[in-house]
């Protein structure tokens, strides 16, 4: 069944059964009870026709609806796996671990709530400056406060960058030490996606050496999904927008890890404004 334009009525007109049923059937259609509902072209879920943008004036607007149906009492969620979905829009700042650029007393920056499940991290400066956000202590009976590499952590990072600029560094992924510096030290364990000012790289390290896979395509002002699965002692798997692009079997991280999204400006000539937008972040940690 499709939408049918209701008949135009005038005063004293006696509504027929067919005319009344037009309204009844259209209401069923709008409720999704009579086939798939098709919205008209002038309805835009992002409200301002810029759903791919990532800055404080262009929000993401998206609905997440997940249901699990159990037909009998035998159904049970796997007790060794835990999913953490972070909905920034419903949290207070006390629930975030944030280091704004202004805290370093150079340049400035901020962290802003976006639309549903969105956070905007931005740096505005004319000096070297950085900002990051990451987790606070895990709750709900976690064994400790880290995604230990031996538990095969999985992370899904929904993100957008406003520019691939030569004076920027961006890090998205797992790392051993939180901070607003790029995790390039061979003394650190990490696995993630890194913009070095020229190309995007998949990088991982085991505290001694690094493994690098370069020339990944991350288009500015487009929402991307990065997935990282660390299988302890075997491999690190990287996927971008649903496609596995790299698998590393060397220099696997073997220490405690935290998730983080970091932006760093190396700009020294003029002002630079840069936005990193994070959507819902999902992590699955094996606690067995």
C-alpha atoms as a PDB file:
ATOM      1  CA  UNK A   1       0.000   0.000   0.000  1.00  0.00           C
ATOM      2  CA  UNK A   2       1.242   3.525  -0.796  1.00  0.00           C
ATOM      3  CA  UNK A   3       0.325   7.011   0.364  1.00  0.00           C
ATOM      4  CA  UNK A   4      -2.889   8.368  -1.185  1.00  0.00           C
ATOM      5  CA  UNK A   5      -3.562  12.100  -1.149  1.00  0.00           C
ATOM      6  CA  UNK A   6      -6.792  12.602   0.833  1.00  0.00           C
ATOM      7  CA  UNK A   7      -9.712  14.147  -1.016  1.00  0.00           C
ATOM      8  CA  UNK A   8     -10.329  17.846  -0.468  1.00  0.00           C
ATOM      9  CA  UNK A   9     -13.513  18.425   1.486  1.00  0.00           C
ATOM     10  CA  UNK A  10     -15.889  21.380   1.533  1.00  0.00           C
ATOM     11  CA  UNK A  11     -18.576  22.456   3.988  1.00  0.00           C
ATOM     12  CA  UNK A  12     -21.790  20.360   4.024  1.00  0.00           C
ATOM     13  CA  UNK A  13     -20.104  17.554   2.035  1.00  0.00           C
ATOM     14  CA  UNK A  14     -21.085  14.097   3.248  1.00  0.00           C
ATOM     15  CA  UNK A  15     -17.890  12.048   3.622  1.00  0.00           C
ATOM     16  CA  UNK A  16     -18.139   8.685   1.886  1.00  0.00           C
ATOM     17  CA  UNK A  17     -16.734   5.428   3.203  1.00  0.00           C
ATOM     18  CA  UNK A  18     -13.978   5.488   0.538  1.00  0.00           C
ATOM     19  CA  UNK A  19     -12.941   9.014   1.541  1.00  0.00           C
ATOM     20  CA  UNK A  20     -12.846   8.075   5.220  1.00  0.00           C
ATOM     21  CA  UNK A  21     -10.787   4.959   4.457  1.00  0.00           C
ATOM     22  CA  UNK A  22      -8.237   7.111   2.601  1.00  0.00           C
ATOM     23  CA  UNK A  23      -7.369   8.717   5.934  1.00  0.00           C
ATOM     24  CA  UNK A  24      -7.413   5.395   7.821  1.00  0.00           C
ATOM     25  CA  UNK A  25      -5.106   3.745   5.273  1.00  0.00           C
ATOM     26  CA  UNK A  26      -2.722   6.719   5.205  1.00  0.00           C
ATOM     27  CA  UNK A  27      -2.402   6.567   9.001  1.00  0.00           C
ATOM     28  CA  UNK A  28      -1.571   2.855   8.774  1.00  0.00           C
ATOM     29  CA  UNK A  29       1.019   3.665   6.132  1.00  0.00           C
ATOM     30  CA  UNK A  30       2.678   6.327   8.285  1.00  0.00           C
ATOM     31  CA  UNK A  31       2.818   3.867  11.191  1.00  0.00           C
ATOM     32  CA  UNK A  32       4.624   1.357   8.989  1.00  0.00           C
ATOM     33  CA  UNK A  33       1.694  -1.048   9.105  1.00  0.00           C
ATOM     34  CA  UNK A  34       1.129  -1.085   5.337  1.00  0.00           C
ATOM     35  CA  UNK A  35       4.553  -1.586   3.759  1.00  0.00           C
ATOM     36  CA  UNK A  36       7.751   0.437   3.883  1.00  0.00           C
ATOM     37  CA  UNK A  37       7.375   4.164   4.516  1.00  0.00           C
ATOM     38  CA  UNK A  38       9.047   6.443   1.953  1.00  0.00           C
ATOM     39  CA  UNK A  39       9.745   9.992   3.096  1.00  0.00           C
ATOM     40  CA  UNK A  40       9.642  12.896   0.708  1.00  0.00           C
ATOM     41  CA  UNK A  41      12.839  14.556  -0.524  1.00  0.00           C
ATOM     42  CA  UNK A  42      12.431  17.633   1.643  1.00  0.00           C
ATOM     43  CA  UNK A  43      12.718  15.624   4.871  1.00  0.00           C
ATOM     44  CA  UNK A  44      16.350  15.534   6.015  1.00  0.00           C
ATOM     45  CA  UNK A  45      17.317  13.662   9.213  1.00  0.00           C
ATOM     46  CA  UNK A  46      20.275  15.969   9.845  1.00  0.00           C
ATOM     47  CA  UNK A  47      18.008  19.038   9.867  1.00  0.00           C
ATOM     48  CA  UNK A  48      20.444  21.202   7.917  1.00  0.00           C
ATOM     49  CA  UNK A  49      21.421  19.016   4.905  1.00  0.00           C
ATOM     50  CA  UNK A  50      24.951  18.575   6.272  1.00  0.00           C
ATOM     51  CA  UNK A  51      24.829  15.221   8.011  1.00  0.00           C
ATOM     52  CA  UNK A  52      28.426  14.449   6.984  1.00  0.00           C
ATOM     53  CA  UNK A  53      29.894  17.585   8.551  1.00  0.00           C
ATOM     54  CA  UNK A  54      31.732  17.524  11.847  1.00  0.00           C
ATOM     55  CA  UNK A  55      31.726  20.803  13.726  1.00  0.00           C
ATOM     56  CA  UNK A  56      29.629  22.487  16.434  1.00  0.00           C
ATOM     57  CA  UNK A  57      27.158  23.988  13.976  1.00  0.00           C
ATOM     58  CA  UNK A  58      26.531  20.825  11.941  1.00  0.00           C
ATOM     59  CA  UNK A  59      25.107  18.021  14.035  1.00  0.00           C
ATOM     60  CA  UNK A  60      24.769  14.383  13.303  1.00  0.00           C
ATOM     61  CA  UNK A  61      21.231  13.194  13.861  1.00  0.00           C
ATOM     62  CA  UNK A  62      20.737   9.466  13.969  1.00  0.00           C
ATOM     63  CA  UNK A  63      18.468   6.976  15.692  1.00  0.00           C
ATOM     64  CA  UNK A  64      19.843   3.762  17.173  1.00  0.00           C
ATOM     65  CA  UNK A  65      17.201   1.081  17.779  1.00  0.00           C
ATOM     66  CA  UNK A  66      18.422  -2.320  18.915  1.00  0.00           C
ATOM     67  CA  UNK A  67      16.175  -5.104  20.175  1.00  0.00           C
ATOM     68  CA  UNK A  68      16.842  -8.673  21.267  1.00  0.00           C
ATOM     69  CA  UNK A  69      13.897 -11.064  21.187  1.00  0.00           C
ATOM     70  CA  UNK A  70      13.980 -14.299  23.165  1.00  0.00           C
ATOM     71  CA  UNK A  71      11.399 -16.956  22.309  1.00  0.00           C
ATOM     72  CA  UNK A  72      11.998 -18.991  25.469  1.00  0.00           C
ATOM     73  CA  UNK A  73      13.860 -19.018  28.753  1.00  0.00           C
ATOM     74  CA  UNK A  74      16.884 -20.776  27.239  1.00  0.00           C
ATOM     75  CA  UNK A  75      18.163 -17.553  25.687  1.00  0.00           C
ATOM     76  CA  UNK A  76      21.080 -15.911  27.522  1.00  0.00           C
ATOM     77  CA  UNK A  77      23.626 -13.208  26.715  1.00  0.00           C
ATOM     78  CA  UNK A  78      27.220 -14.483  26.581  1.00  0.00           C
ATOM     79  CA  UNK A  79      28.441 -13.603  30.050  1.00  0.00           C
ATOM     80  CA  UNK A  80      32.109 -13.337  29.073  1.00  0.00           C
ATOM     81  CA  UNK A  81      31.566 -10.489  26.626  1.00  0.00           C
ATOM     82  CA  UNK A  82      30.724  -6.948  27.577  1.00  0.00           C
ATOM     83  CA  UNK A  83      29.647  -4.171  25.239  1.00  0.00           C
ATOM     84  CA  UNK A  84      30.080  -0.548  26.205  1.00  0.00           C
ATOM     85  CA  UNK A  85      28.076   1.958  24.156  1.00  0.00           C
ATOM     86  CA  UNK A  86      28.924   5.560  24.935  1.00  0.00           C
ATOM     87  CA  UNK A  87      26.168   8.024  24.131  1.00  0.00           C
ATOM     88  CA  UNK A  88      27.851  11.389  24.607  1.00  0.00           C
ATOM     89  CA  UNK A  89      24.604  13.279  24.352  1.00  0.00           C
ATOM     90  CA  UNK A  90      23.274  11.660  27.535  1.00  0.00           C
ATOM     91  CA  UNK A  91      26.406  12.062  29.654  1.00  0.00           C
ATOM     92  CA  UNK A  92      27.624  14.903  31.806  1.00  0.00           C
ATOM     93  CA  UNK A  93      31.162  16.227  31.613  1.00  0.00           C
ATOM     94  CA  UNK A  94      31.974  14.419  34.845  1.00  0.00           C
ATOM     95  CA  UNK A  95      31.671  11.152  32.889  1.00  0.00           C
ATOM     96  CA  UNK A  96      34.310  12.162  30.336  1.00  0.00           C
ATOM     97  CA  UNK A  97      38.065  12.015  30.611  1.00  0.00           C
ATOM     98  CA  UNK A  98      38.985  15.101  28.607  1.00  0.00           C
ATOM     99  CA  UNK A  99      42.113  17.198  28.323  1.00  0.00           C
ATOM    100  CA  UNK A 100      41.193  20.404  26.468  1.00  0.00           C
ATOM    101  CA  UNK A 101      43.886  22.242  24.592  1.00  0.00           C
ATOM    102  CA  UNK A 102      43.423  25.335  26.748  1.00  0.00           C
ATOM    103  CA  UNK A 103      44.685  23.423  29.789  1.00  0.00           C
ATOM    104  CA  UNK A 104      48.188  23.647  28.391  1.00  0.00           C
ATOM    105  CA  UNK A 105      47.923  27.458  28.317  1.00  0.00           C
ATOM    106  CA  UNK A 106      48.792  27.582  24.639  1.00  0.00           C
ATOM    107  CA  UNK A 107      46.256  28.164  21.932  1.00  0.00           C
ATOM    108  CA  UNK A 108      42.769  26.998  22.793  1.00  0.00           C
ATOM    109  CA  UNK A 109      40.248  24.308  22.088  1.00  0.00           C
ATOM    110  CA  UNK A 110      37.141  22.714  23.468  1.00  0.00           C
ATOM    111  CA  UNK A 111      34.913  19.655  23.618  1.00  0.00           C
ATOM    112  CA  UNK A 112      31.296  20.052  22.616  1.00  0.00           C
ATOM    113  CA  UNK A 113      28.172  17.911  22.763  1.00  0.00           C
ATOM    114  CA  UNK A 114      26.760  17.246  19.327  1.00  0.00           C
ATOM    115  CA  UNK A 115      23.576  15.506  18.316  1.00  0.00           C
ATOM    116  CA  UNK A 116      22.511  12.053  19.434  1.00  0.00           C
ATOM    117  CA  UNK A 117      25.610  10.042  20.275  1.00  0.00           C
ATOM    118  CA  UNK A 118      27.982  12.733  19.006  1.00  0.00           C
ATOM    119  CA  UNK A 119      30.894  14.641  20.483  1.00  0.00           C
ATOM    120  CA  UNK A 120      32.900  17.349  18.746  1.00  0.00           C
ATOM    121  CA  UNK A 121      36.540  17.905  19.667  1.00  0.00           C
ATOM    122  CA  UNK A 122      38.123  21.020  18.226  1.00  0.00           C
ATOM    123  CA  UNK A 123      41.451  22.838  18.260  1.00  0.00           C
ATOM    124  CA  UNK A 124      41.741  26.532  17.422  1.00  0.00           C
ATOM    125  CA  UNK A 125      45.204  28.030  17.728  1.00  0.00           C
ATOM    126  CA  UNK A 126      48.295  29.455  16.157  1.00  0.00           C
ATOM    127  CA  UNK A 127      50.724  27.430  18.248  1.00  0.00           C
ATOM    128  CA  UNK A 128      51.413  23.755  18.767  1.00  0.00           C
ATOM    129  CA  UNK A 129      48.486  22.399  20.708  1.00  0.00           C
ATOM    130  CA  UNK A 130      46.545  19.184  21.293  1.00  0.00           C
ATOM    131  CA  UNK A 131      43.418  17.711  22.796  1.00  0.00           C
ATOM    132  CA  UNK A 132      42.190  14.186  23.493  1.00  0.00           C
ATOM    133  CA  UNK A 133      39.417  12.280  25.152  1.00  0.00           C
ATOM    134  CA  UNK A 134      39.382   8.753  26.465  1.00  0.00           C
ATOM    135  CA  UNK A 135      37.833   6.493  29.122  1.00  0.00           C
ATOM    136  CA  UNK A 136      37.454   6.884  32.828  1.00  0.00           C
ATOM    137  CA  UNK A 137      37.762   3.882  35.115  1.00  0.00           C
ATOM    138  CA  UNK A 138      35.595   1.038  33.879  1.00  0.00           C
ATOM    139  CA  UNK A 139      32.627   0.017  35.970  1.00  0.00           C
ATOM    140  CA  UNK A 140      30.255  -2.938  36.278  1.00  0.00           C
ATOM    141  CA  UNK A 141      32.714  -5.504  37.528  1.00  0.00           C
ATOM    142  CA  UNK A 142      35.504  -5.123  35.013  1.00  0.00           C
ATOM    143  CA  UNK A 143      38.671  -6.912  36.065  1.00  0.00           C
ATOM    144  CA  UNK A 144      40.711  -3.714  35.856  1.00  0.00           C
ATOM    145  CA  UNK A 145      40.637  -0.314  34.208  1.00  0.00           C
ATOM    146  CA  UNK A 146      42.129  -1.288  30.870  1.00  0.00           C
ATOM    147  CA  UNK A 147      41.421  -3.219  27.700  1.00  0.00           C
ATOM    148  CA  UNK A 148      44.216  -5.684  28.310  1.00  0.00           C
ATOM    149  CA  UNK A 149      45.600  -6.963  25.017  1.00  0.00           C
ATOM    150  CA  UNK A 150      45.452 -10.588  26.136  1.00  0.00           C
ATOM    151  CA  UNK A 151      41.636 -10.316  26.258  1.00  0.00           C
ATOM    152  CA  UNK A 152      41.331  -9.594  22.527  1.00  0.00           C
ATOM    153  CA  UNK A 153      39.708  -6.151  22.735  1.00  0.00           C
ATOM    154  CA  UNK A 154      37.497  -4.896  19.918  1.00  0.00           C
ATOM    155  CA  UNK A 155      36.773  -1.229  19.247  1.00  0.00           C
ATOM    156  CA  UNK A 156      34.401   0.496  16.840  1.00  0.00           C
ATOM    157  CA  UNK A 157      35.121   4.201  16.329  1.00  0.00           C
ATOM    158  CA  UNK A 158      32.604   6.292  14.383  1.00  0.00           C
ATOM    159  CA  UNK A 159      34.369   9.512  13.383  1.00  0.00           C
ATOM    160  CA  UNK A 160      34.681  12.467  11.031  1.00  0.00           C
ATOM    161  CA  UNK A 161      37.578  14.862  10.442  1.00  0.00           C
ATOM    162  CA  UNK A 162      37.033  18.335   9.031  1.00  0.00           C
ATOM    163  CA  UNK A 163      40.292  18.380   7.048  1.00  0.00           C
ATOM    164  CA  UNK A 164      43.350  16.351   6.105  1.00  0.00           C
ATOM    165  CA  UNK A 165      45.723  19.203   6.875  1.00  0.00           C
ATOM    166  CA  UNK A 166      49.524  19.099   6.758  1.00  0.00           C
ATOM    167  CA  UNK A 167      49.784  20.829  10.151  1.00  0.00           C
ATOM    168  CA  UNK A 168      47.642  18.261  11.931  1.00  0.00           C
ATOM    169  CA  UNK A 169      48.112  14.936  13.659  1.00  0.00           C
ATOM    170  CA  UNK A 170      45.163  12.671  14.524  1.00  0.00           C
ATOM    171  CA  UNK A 171      45.185   9.396  16.452  1.00  0.00           C
ATOM    172  CA  UNK A 172      42.154   7.083  16.816  1.00  0.00           C
ATOM    173  CA  UNK A 173      42.464   3.722  18.516  1.00  0.00           C
ATOM    174  CA  UNK A 174      43.958   1.902  21.502  1.00  0.00           C
ATOM    175  CA  UNK A 175      47.071   3.063  23.351  1.00  0.00           C
ATOM    176  CA  UNK A 176      48.854   2.393  26.604  1.00  0.00           C
ATOM    177  CA  UNK A 177      49.310   5.990  27.781  1.00  0.00           C
ATOM    178  CA  UNK A 178      46.555   8.593  27.412  1.00  0.00           C
ATOM    179  CA  UNK A 179      47.604  12.081  26.439  1.00  0.00           C
ATOM    180  CA  UNK A 180      47.640  14.723  23.735  1.00  0.00           C
ATOM    181  CA  UNK A 181      50.849  13.429  22.157  1.00  0.00           C
ATOM    182  CA  UNK A 182      50.916  11.008  19.239  1.00  0.00           C
ATOM    183  CA  UNK A 183      51.774   7.457  20.453  1.00  0.00           C
ATOM    184  CA  UNK A 184      54.871   6.999  18.320  1.00  0.00           C
ATOM    185  CA  UNK A 185      57.305   6.003  21.041  1.00  0.00           C
ATOM    186  CA  UNK A 186      58.626   2.468  20.672  1.00  0.00           C
ATOM    187  CA  UNK A 187      58.272   2.182  24.437  1.00  0.00           C
ATOM    188  CA  UNK A 188      54.474   2.166  24.183  1.00  0.00           C
ATOM    189  CA  UNK A 189      51.883  -0.459  23.247  1.00  0.00           C
ATOM    190  CA  UNK A 190      49.278   0.773  20.763  1.00  0.00           C
ATOM    191  CA  UNK A 191      47.120  -0.062  17.734  1.00  0.00           C
ATOM    192  CA  UNK A 192      45.168   2.469  15.730  1.00  0.00           C
ATOM    193  CA  UNK A 193      44.713   4.822  12.792  1.00  0.00           C
ATOM    194  CA  UNK A 194      47.115   7.779  12.514  1.00  0.00           C
ATOM    195  CA  UNK A 195      47.181  10.887  10.299  1.00  0.00           C
ATOM    196  CA  UNK A 196      50.781  12.150  10.172  1.00  0.00           C
ATOM    197  CA  UNK A 197      50.155  15.291   8.135  1.00  0.00           C
ATOM    198  CA  UNK A 198      50.649  13.524   4.809  1.00  0.00           C
ATOM    199  CA  UNK A 199      48.981  10.096   4.834  1.00  0.00           C
ATOM    200  CA  UNK A 200      46.733   7.936   7.030  1.00  0.00           C
ATOM    201  CA  UNK A 201      48.509   4.937   8.571  1.00  0.00           C
ATOM    202  CA  UNK A 202      47.486   1.805  10.431  1.00  0.00           C
ATOM    203  CA  UNK A 203      50.069   1.471  13.202  1.00  0.00           C
ATOM    204  CA  UNK A 204      50.704  -0.933  16.055  1.00  0.00           C
ATOM    205  CA  UNK A 205      53.600  -1.487  18.452  1.00  0.00           C
ATOM    206  CA  UNK A 206      54.573  -3.894  21.203  1.00  0.00           C
ATOM    207  CA  UNK A 207      56.654  -1.521  23.282  1.00  0.00           C
ATOM    208  CA  UNK A 208      59.803  -2.227  21.305  1.00  0.00           C
ATOM    209  CA  UNK A 209      59.138  -1.896  17.567  1.00  0.00           C
ATOM    210  CA  UNK A 210      56.384  -0.693  15.243  1.00  0.00           C
ATOM    211  CA  UNK A 211      54.427  -2.063  12.294  1.00  0.00           C
ATOM    212  CA  UNK A 212      53.048   0.429   9.746  1.00  0.00           C
ATOM    213  CA  UNK A 213      50.648   0.178   6.812  1.00  0.00           C
ATOM    214  CA  UNK A 214      50.228   3.474   4.962  1.00  0.00           C
ATOM    215  CA  UNK A 215      48.132   5.269   2.358  1.00  0.00           C
ATOM    216  CA  UNK A 216      44.686   4.561   3.795  1.00  0.00           C
ATOM    217  CA  UNK A 217      41.864   6.692   2.361  1.00  0.00           C
ATOM    218  CA  UNK A 218      39.978   8.840   4.877  1.00  0.00           C
ATOM    219  CA  UNK A 219      37.895  11.494   3.151  1.00  0.00           C
ATOM    220  CA  UNK A 220      37.361  14.741   5.051  1.00  0.00           C
ATOM    221  CA  UNK A 221      33.817  15.742   6.021  1.00  0.00           C
ATOM    222  CA  UNK A 222      32.518  12.190   5.613  1.00  0.00           C
ATOM    223  CA  UNK A 223      31.477   9.934   8.453  1.00  0.00           C
ATOM    224  CA  UNK A 224      33.744   6.876   8.707  1.00  0.00           C
ATOM    225  CA  UNK A 225      33.729   3.750  10.872  1.00  0.00           C
ATOM    226  CA  UNK A 226      37.042   2.337  12.089  1.00  0.00           C
ATOM    227  CA  UNK A 227      37.098  -1.147  13.640  1.00  0.00           C
ATOM    228  CA  UNK A 228      40.095  -2.653  15.413  1.00  0.00           C
ATOM    229  CA  UNK A 229      40.300  -6.214  16.724  1.00  0.00           C
ATOM    230  CA  UNK A 230      43.407  -7.233  18.646  1.00  0.00           C
ATOM    231  CA  UNK A 231      43.748 -11.011  18.798  1.00  0.00           C
ATOM    232  CA  UNK A 232      46.425 -11.531  21.398  1.00  0.00           C
ATOM    233  CA  UNK A 233      49.540 -13.288  20.162  1.00  0.00           C
ATOM    234  CA  UNK A 234      48.110 -13.745  16.645  1.00  0.00           C
ATOM    235  CA  UNK A 235      47.172 -10.548  14.800  1.00  0.00           C
ATOM    236  CA  UNK A 236      45.674  -7.080  14.767  1.00  0.00           C
ATOM    237  CA  UNK A 237      42.860  -6.591  12.237  1.00  0.00           C
ATOM    238  CA  UNK A 238      41.903  -3.148  10.910  1.00  0.00           C
ATOM    239  CA  UNK A 239      38.686  -2.415   9.013  1.00  0.00           C
ATOM    240  CA  UNK A 240      37.481   0.909   7.627  1.00  0.00           C
ATOM    241  CA  UNK A 241      33.880   1.427   6.556  1.00  0.00           C
ATOM    242  CA  UNK A 242      33.174  -2.303   6.680  1.00  0.00           C
ATOM    243  CA  UNK A 243      36.200  -3.457   4.659  1.00  0.00           C
ATOM    244  CA  UNK A 244      39.223  -5.203   6.194  1.00  0.00           C
ATOM    245  CA  UNK A 245      42.188  -3.201   4.880  1.00  0.00           C
ATOM    246  CA  UNK A 246      45.122  -4.471   6.923  1.00  0.00           C
ATOM    247  CA  UNK A 247      46.140  -7.364   9.142  1.00  0.00           C
ATOM    248  CA  UNK A 248      49.332  -7.165  11.167  1.00  0.00           C
ATOM    249  CA  UNK A 249      50.955 -10.276  12.621  1.00  0.00           C
ATOM    250  CA  UNK A 250      54.062  -8.612  14.055  1.00  0.00           C
ATOM    251  CA  UNK A 251      54.734  -6.124  16.873  1.00  0.00           C
ATOM    252  CA  UNK A 252      51.392  -6.914  18.489  1.00  0.00           C
ATOM    253  CA  UNK A 253      50.588  -4.841  21.599  1.00  0.00           C
ATOM    254  CA  UNK A 254      50.890  -6.960  24.730  1.00  0.00           C
ATOM    255  CA  UNK A 255      50.172  -4.528  27.548  1.00  0.00           C
ATOM    256  CA  UNK A 256      47.250  -2.669  29.083  1.00  0.00           C
ATOM    257  CA  UNK A 257      45.417  -0.412  26.621  1.00  0.00           C
ATOM    258  CA  UNK A 258      42.893   2.411  26.733  1.00  0.00           C
ATOM    259  CA  UNK A 259      40.870   3.866  23.874  1.00  0.00           C
ATOM    260  CA  UNK A 260      41.453   7.439  22.820  1.00  0.00           C
ATOM    261  CA  UNK A 261      40.779   9.977  20.070  1.00  0.00           C
ATOM    262  CA  UNK A 262      43.421  12.716  19.859  1.00  0.00           C
ATOM    263  CA  UNK A 263      44.004  15.839  17.752  1.00  0.00           C
ATOM    264  CA  UNK A 264      47.323  17.696  17.656  1.00  0.00           C
ATOM    265  CA  UNK A 265      48.167  20.898  15.792  1.00  0.00           C
ATOM    266  CA  UNK A 266      51.708  21.606  14.634  1.00  0.00           C
ATOM    267  CA  UNK A 267      50.696  24.929  13.114  1.00  0.00           C
ATOM    268  CA  UNK A 268      53.025  27.892  13.709  1.00  0.00           C
ATOM    269  CA  UNK A 269      51.963  30.211  10.877  1.00  0.00           C
ATOM    270  CA  UNK A 270      48.524  31.759  11.299  1.00  0.00           C
ATOM    271  CA  UNK A 271      45.487  30.245  12.997  1.00  0.00           C
ATOM    272  CA  UNK A 272      44.210  26.727  12.353  1.00  0.00           C
ATOM    273  CA  UNK A 273      40.727  25.474  13.191  1.00  0.00           C
ATOM    274  CA  UNK A 274      40.190  21.720  13.136  1.00  0.00           C
ATOM    275  CA  UNK A 275      37.326  19.458  14.231  1.00  0.00           C
ATOM    276  CA  UNK A 276      37.277  15.765  15.027  1.00  0.00           C
ATOM    277  CA  UNK A 277      33.743  14.460  15.513  1.00  0.00           C
ATOM    278  CA  UNK A 278      33.129  11.164  17.297  1.00  0.00           C
ATOM    279  CA  UNK A 279      29.846   9.290  17.054  1.00  0.00           C
ATOM    280  CA  UNK A 280      28.860   6.362  19.187  1.00  0.00           C
ATOM    281  CA  UNK A 281      31.832   4.298  20.284  1.00  0.00           C
ATOM    282  CA  UNK A 282      31.361   0.586  20.877  1.00  0.00           C
ATOM    283  CA  UNK A 283      33.860  -1.706  22.602  1.00  0.00           C
ATOM    284  CA  UNK A 284      33.724  -5.398  23.311  1.00  0.00           C
ATOM    285  CA  UNK A 285      36.160  -6.847  25.778  1.00  0.00           C
ATOM    286  CA  UNK A 286      36.598 -10.514  26.504  1.00  0.00           C
ATOM    287  CA  UNK A 287      36.743 -10.921  30.270  1.00  0.00           C
ATOM    288  CA  UNK A 288      37.132 -14.674  30.497  1.00  0.00           C
END
